[in-house]
Amino acid sequence: MMGPAHSLSGAAAWLGVGAATAAAGHPMPWPVLVAGALICAGAALAPDLDHKAATISRAFGPLSRWLCEIVDKLSYAVYKATRKQGDPRRSGGHRTLTHTWLWAVLIGAGTAALAISGGRWAVLAILFVHMVLAIEGLLWRATRGSSSDVLVWLLAAASAWILAGVLDKPGNGSDWLFTAPGQEYLWLGLPVVLGALVHDIGDALTVSGCPILWPIPVGRKRWYPIGPPKGMRFRAGSWVELKVLMPAFMLLGGVGCAAALNVI
């Protein structure tokens, strides 16, 4: 999938979680719903950190491009070191390490650990990074071109500061789900995990599939490309993604949001 579809699917997924918690009698505070949806939308772009042409590679200028090169080389090294006889040879690391359940869990756990150990500035950094990615993904037409980068960063910084201030107020969700002292913002890891997994599932629907299960081997392959039957797959950026899936994500997200807020 392309970046906009990934971001929309991430936001819709978190809003669906909000609807599920509301149905279970434990509704999310609205700031958690909003912040989580934006973080999940941003996190749904993050697995493409192994691709130098992806949205995330240009989101933070030279820093993100440099990081993409490192992650691509790391992913390729892990692929070569762990591939089985049935896995094909390849020349790069795209859709390998960062497109697995293990990566999603580790990134989410790292985010949660940073949030509870790093204090307010760590929370602001987490929010800022994911706000930038969410803006780049959800407002992709408006953020084209390098001239808009500074505006995106300023908007993300302002959004992160405002959201953190709202969440910090009693009852607004800084301690949502994890209520023990010292566990404020531990939940920030959840939309990060969900966003990464939703990205992987989206890529699994495309022609190439996605090795979500690594390092669990499937037959003669450790990097087995999970996906539906080939006749049900589509190419990234095709009309299926643009005309069917993206409108469906918008609809599902809207319904999920309304249900989460007890509007329906």
Protein backbone atom coordinates (compact mmCIF):
# COMPACT_ATOMS: atom_id res chain seq x y z
CA MET A 1 0.00 0.00 0.00
CA MET A 2 0.92 3.64 -0.36
CA GLY A 3 1.36 6.04 2.56
CA PRO A 4 -2.12 7.67 2.60
CA ALA A 5 -3.88 4.30 2.69
CA HIS A 6 -1.59 3.09 5.46
CA SER A 7 -2.30 6.17 7.57
CA LEU A 8 -6.04 5.97 7.03
CA SER A 9 -6.06 2.29 7.96
CA GLY A 10 -4.09 3.04 11.12
CA ALA A 11 -6.46 5.80 12.24
CA ALA A 12 -9.49 3.63 11.45
CA ALA A 13 -8.01 0.73 13.42
CA TRP A 14 -7.56 2.80 16.60
CA LEU A 15 -11.03 4.31 16.27
CA GLY A 16 -12.29 0.74 15.98
CA VAL A 17 -10.50 -0.09 19.23
CA GLY A 18 -12.22 2.91 20.78
CA ALA A 19 -15.59 1.60 19.61
CA ALA A 20 -14.79 -1.84 21.06
CA THR A 21 -13.83 -0.44 24.47
CA ALA A 22 -16.99 1.67 24.54
CA ALA A 23 -19.10 -1.39 23.71
CA ALA A 24 -17.37 -3.24 26.55
CA GLY A 25 -18.39 -0.52 28.99
CA HIS A 26 -14.96 1.09 29.33
CA PRO A 27 -14.96 4.03 26.88
CA MET A 28 -11.74 5.86 26.13
CA PRO A 29 -11.48 9.48 27.21
CA TRP A 30 -11.82 11.54 24.04
CA PRO A 31 -8.21 12.84 24.20
CA VAL A 32 -6.95 9.22 24.18
CA LEU A 33 -9.18 8.48 21.19
CA VAL A 34 -7.84 11.49 19.26
CA ALA A 35 -4.18 11.11 20.24
CA GLY A 36 -4.25 7.35 19.71
CA ALA A 37 -5.79 7.69 16.24
CA LEU A 38 -3.13 10.19 15.18
CA ILE A 39 -0.29 8.14 16.66
CA CYS A 40 -1.62 4.99 14.98
CA ALA A 41 -1.92 6.85 11.67
CA GLY A 42 1.72 7.91 11.99
CA ALA A 43 2.93 4.53 13.21
CA ALA A 44 1.28 2.91 10.20
CA LEU A 45 3.94 4.58 8.04
CA ALA A 46 6.90 3.59 10.20
CA PRO A 47 7.57 0.06 8.85
CA ASP A 48 8.59 1.64 5.54
CA LEU A 49 11.66 2.99 7.31
CA ASP A 50 13.49 0.39 5.21
CA HIS A 51 12.57 2.12 1.93
CA LYS A 52 14.37 5.29 0.83
CA ALA A 53 11.45 6.39 -1.39
CA ALA A 54 8.77 6.04 1.30
CA THR A 55 6.93 8.95 2.94
CA ILE A 56 8.80 8.47 6.20
CA SER A 57 12.18 8.81 4.46
CA ARG A 58 11.51 12.48 3.66
CA ALA A 59 9.44 13.35 6.73
CA PHE A 60 12.40 14.59 8.78
CA GLY A 61 14.77 15.73 6.05
CA PRO A 62 18.33 14.36 5.90
CA LEU A 63 17.95 12.67 9.31
CA SER A 64 15.17 10.35 8.19
CA ARG A 65 16.88 9.63 4.86
CA TRP A 66 20.05 8.65 6.71
CA LEU A 67 18.06 6.50 9.14
CA CYS A 68 16.28 4.77 6.25
CA GLU A 69 19.61 3.80 4.74
CA ILE A 70 20.77 2.32 8.04
CA VAL A 71 17.53 0.38 8.60
CA ASP A 72 17.58 -0.91 5.02
CA LYS A 73 21.12 -2.25 5.46
CA LEU A 74 20.28 -3.73 8.87
CA SER A 75 17.16 -5.41 7.51
CA TYR A 76 19.09 -6.85 4.57
CA ALA A 77 21.79 -8.18 6.89
CA VAL A 78 19.18 -9.87 9.10
CA TYR A 79 17.50 -11.33 6.02
CA LYS A 80 20.74 -12.81 4.70
CA ALA A 81 21.68 -14.20 8.11
CA THR A 82 18.33 -15.90 8.75
CA ARG A 83 16.99 -16.91 5.33
CA LYS A 84 16.23 -20.54 4.69
CA GLN A 85 16.76 -22.50 1.50
CA GLY A 86 13.33 -21.61 0.14
CA ASP A 87 13.70 -17.87 0.65
CA PRO A 88 14.69 -16.01 -2.54
CA ARG A 89 17.86 -13.99 -2.90
CA ARG A 90 17.33 -10.24 -2.81
CA SER A 91 19.36 -7.04 -3.04
CA GLY A 92 17.73 -4.90 -0.34
CA GLY A 93 15.95 -5.03 2.98
CA HIS A 94 12.53 -3.62 2.06
CA ARG A 95 9.59 -5.63 3.44
CA THR A 96 11.74 -7.77 5.67
CA LEU A 97 12.63 -7.02 9.30
CA THR A 98 10.44 -3.94 9.81
CA HIS A 99 7.42 -5.74 8.35
CA THR A 100 7.17 -8.43 11.03
CA TRP A 101 5.14 -8.90 14.20
CA LEU A 102 8.34 -9.03 16.23
CA TRP A 103 9.45 -5.60 15.03
CA ALA A 104 5.99 -4.18 15.81
CA VAL A 105 6.09 -5.53 19.37
CA LEU A 106 9.65 -4.32 19.98
CA ILE A 107 8.94 -0.82 18.67
CA GLY A 108 5.77 -0.60 20.74
CA ALA A 109 7.54 -1.83 23.87
CA GLY A 110 10.36 0.63 23.29
CA THR A 111 7.88 3.48 22.90
CA ALA A 112 6.11 2.53 26.13
CA ALA A 113 9.39 2.25 28.03
CA LEU A 114 10.51 5.65 26.73
CA ALA A 115 7.20 7.23 27.68
CA ILE A 116 7.33 6.13 31.33
CA SER A 117 11.07 6.59 31.85
CA GLY A 118 11.73 9.77 29.90
CA GLY A 119 9.18 12.09 31.45
CA ARG A 120 7.26 14.85 29.71
CA TRP A 121 9.88 15.58 27.05
CA ALA A 122 9.90 11.94 25.96
CA VAL A 123 6.10 12.00 25.65
CA LEU A 124 6.31 15.20 23.62
CA ALA A 125 8.95 13.65 21.35
CA ILE A 126 6.80 10.56 20.77
CA LEU A 127 3.78 12.71 19.98
CA PHE A 128 5.78 15.03 17.72
CA VAL A 129 7.29 12.24 15.61
CA HIS A 130 3.93 10.56 15.08
CA MET A 131 2.13 13.85 14.45
CA VAL A 132 4.61 14.61 11.64
CA LEU A 133 4.00 11.18 10.11
CA ALA A 134 0.23 11.45 10.53
CA ILE A 135 0.17 14.85 8.82
CA GLU A 136 2.37 13.56 5.99
CA GLY A 137 0.12 10.53 5.53
CA LEU A 138 -3.36 11.96 6.03
CA LEU A 139 -2.73 15.33 4.37
CA TRP A 140 -0.40 14.03 1.69
CA ARG A 141 -1.63 16.33 -1.07
CA ALA A 142 -1.00 19.44 1.02
CA THR A 143 2.45 18.33 2.20
CA ARG A 144 4.05 17.61 -1.15
CA GLY A 145 7.37 19.32 -1.72
CA SER A 146 10.22 20.17 0.59
CA SER A 147 8.98 23.75 1.04
CA SER A 148 6.20 22.49 3.31
CA ASP A 149 8.47 20.56 5.70
CA VAL A 150 8.95 23.37 8.21
CA LEU A 151 5.21 24.07 8.30
CA VAL A 152 4.51 20.36 8.93
CA TRP A 153 7.04 20.29 11.78
CA LEU A 154 5.57 23.43 13.35
CA LEU A 155 2.04 22.06 13.11
CA ALA A 156 3.18 18.75 14.58
CA ALA A 157 5.02 20.46 17.44
CA ALA A 158 1.99 22.61 18.28
CA SER A 159 -0.32 19.58 18.10
CA ALA A 160 1.98 17.53 20.34
CA TRP A 161 2.18 20.32 22.92
CA ILE A 162 -1.59 20.84 22.97
CA LEU A 163 -2.38 17.11 23.15
CA ALA A 164 0.10 16.53 25.96
CA GLY A 165 -1.41 19.44 27.90
CA VAL A 166 -4.93 18.07 27.46
CA LEU A 167 -3.94 14.50 28.36
CA ASP A 168 -2.15 15.68 31.51
CA LYS A 169 -5.37 17.01 33.02
CA PRO A 170 -7.06 14.67 35.53
CA GLY A 171 -9.45 12.23 33.89
CA ASN A 172 -8.27 12.98 30.35
CA GLY A 173 -6.29 9.81 29.87
CA SER A 174 -2.61 10.06 30.74
CA ASP A 175 -3.19 7.02 32.98
CA TRP A 176 -5.69 5.30 30.71
CA LEU A 177 -5.65 1.50 31.01
CA PHE A 178 -2.54 1.50 33.23
CA THR A 179 -3.43 3.24 36.47
CA ALA A 180 -0.57 2.36 38.84
CA PRO A 181 1.69 5.24 39.92
CA GLY A 182 4.50 5.79 37.44
CA GLN A 183 2.64 4.15 34.54
CA GLU A 184 1.29 7.36 32.99
CA TYR A 185 1.49 7.21 29.19
CA LEU A 186 2.41 3.51 29.19
CA TRP A 187 -0.49 3.07 26.76
CA LEU A 188 1.34 5.07 24.07
CA GLY A 189 2.98 1.83 22.97
CA LEU A 190 -0.37 0.30 21.99
CA PRO A 191 -1.22 2.50 18.97
CA VAL A 192 2.38 2.12 17.82
CA VAL A 193 2.11 -1.68 17.82
CA LEU A 194 -1.32 -1.53 16.18
CA GLY A 195 -0.17 0.89 13.49
CA ALA A 196 2.78 -1.31 12.54
CA LEU A 197 0.63 -4.45 12.40
CA VAL A 198 -2.05 -2.72 10.32
CA HIS A 199 0.69 -1.62 7.90
CA ASP A 200 1.87 -5.21 7.59
CA ILE A 201 -1.64 -6.52 7.01
CA GLY A 202 -2.17 -3.89 4.33
CA ASP A 203 1.03 -4.88 2.56
CA ALA A 204 0.01 -8.53 2.80
CA LEU A 205 -2.95 -7.72 0.55
CA THR A 206 -0.66 -6.57 -2.25
CA VAL A 207 1.05 -8.66 -4.93
CA SER A 208 4.27 -9.22 -2.98
CA GLY A 209 2.69 -10.24 0.33
CA CYS A 210 4.37 -9.56 3.68
CA PRO A 211 6.54 -11.77 5.97
CA ILE A 212 4.53 -10.89 9.08
CA LEU A 213 5.26 -14.17 10.88
CA TRP A 214 9.09 -13.93 10.88
CA PRO A 215 11.03 -15.51 12.56
CA ILE A 216 8.48 -18.35 12.60
CA PRO A 217 9.28 -20.58 9.59
CA VAL A 218 6.60 -21.73 7.15
CA GLY A 219 7.70 -24.76 5.20
CA ARG A 220 11.08 -24.12 3.57
CA LYS A 221 10.83 -20.37 4.11
CA ARG A 222 11.54 -18.25 7.17
CA TRP A 223 10.43 -15.09 5.33
CA TYR A 224 7.17 -16.48 3.99
CA PRO A 225 5.12 -13.72 2.28
CA ILE A 226 1.72 -13.98 3.98
CA GLY A 227 -1.24 -12.91 1.88
CA PRO A 228 -4.61 -13.92 0.42
CA PRO A 229 -4.88 -16.03 -2.76
CA LYS A 230 -3.06 -14.30 -5.63
CA GLY A 231 -6.30 -13.54 -7.44
CA MET A 232 -7.41 -11.37 -4.52
CA ARG A 233 -4.21 -9.29 -4.31
CA PHE A 234 -3.64 -5.89 -5.91
CA ARG A 235 -0.75 -3.62 -6.80
CA ALA A 236 0.16 -0.75 -4.48
CA GLY A 237 -1.38 2.49 -5.74
CA SER A 238 -3.91 0.69 -7.94
CA TRP A 239 -7.58 1.65 -8.28
CA VAL A 240 -8.51 -0.96 -5.66
CA GLU A 241 -6.49 0.92 -3.05
CA LEU A 242 -7.56 4.42 -4.14
CA LYS A 243 -11.21 3.84 -5.03
CA VAL A 244 -12.21 1.01 -2.70
CA LEU A 245 -9.96 0.67 0.33
CA MET A 246 -9.35 4.33 1.16
CA PRO A 247 -13.06 5.27 1.10
CA ALA A 248 -13.76 2.12 3.16
CA PHE A 249 -11.17 3.16 5.77
CA MET A 250 -12.75 6.63 5.97
CA LEU A 251 -16.21 5.13 6.45
CA LEU A 252 -15.07 2.61 9.04
CA GLY A 253 -13.11 5.27 10.88
CA GLY A 254 -16.14 7.56 11.00
CA VAL A 255 -18.40 4.82 12.29
CA GLY A 256 -15.77 3.76 14.84
CA CYS A 257 -15.36 7.33 16.07
CA ALA A 258 -19.11 7.82 16.44
CA ALA A 259 -19.43 4.53 18.34
CA ALA A 260 -16.43 5.33 20.56
CA LEU A 261 -18.01 8.67 21.52
CA ASN A 262 -21.42 7.01 22.06
CA VAL A 263 -22.98 9.05 19.29
CA ILE A 264 -24.43 5.86 17.78
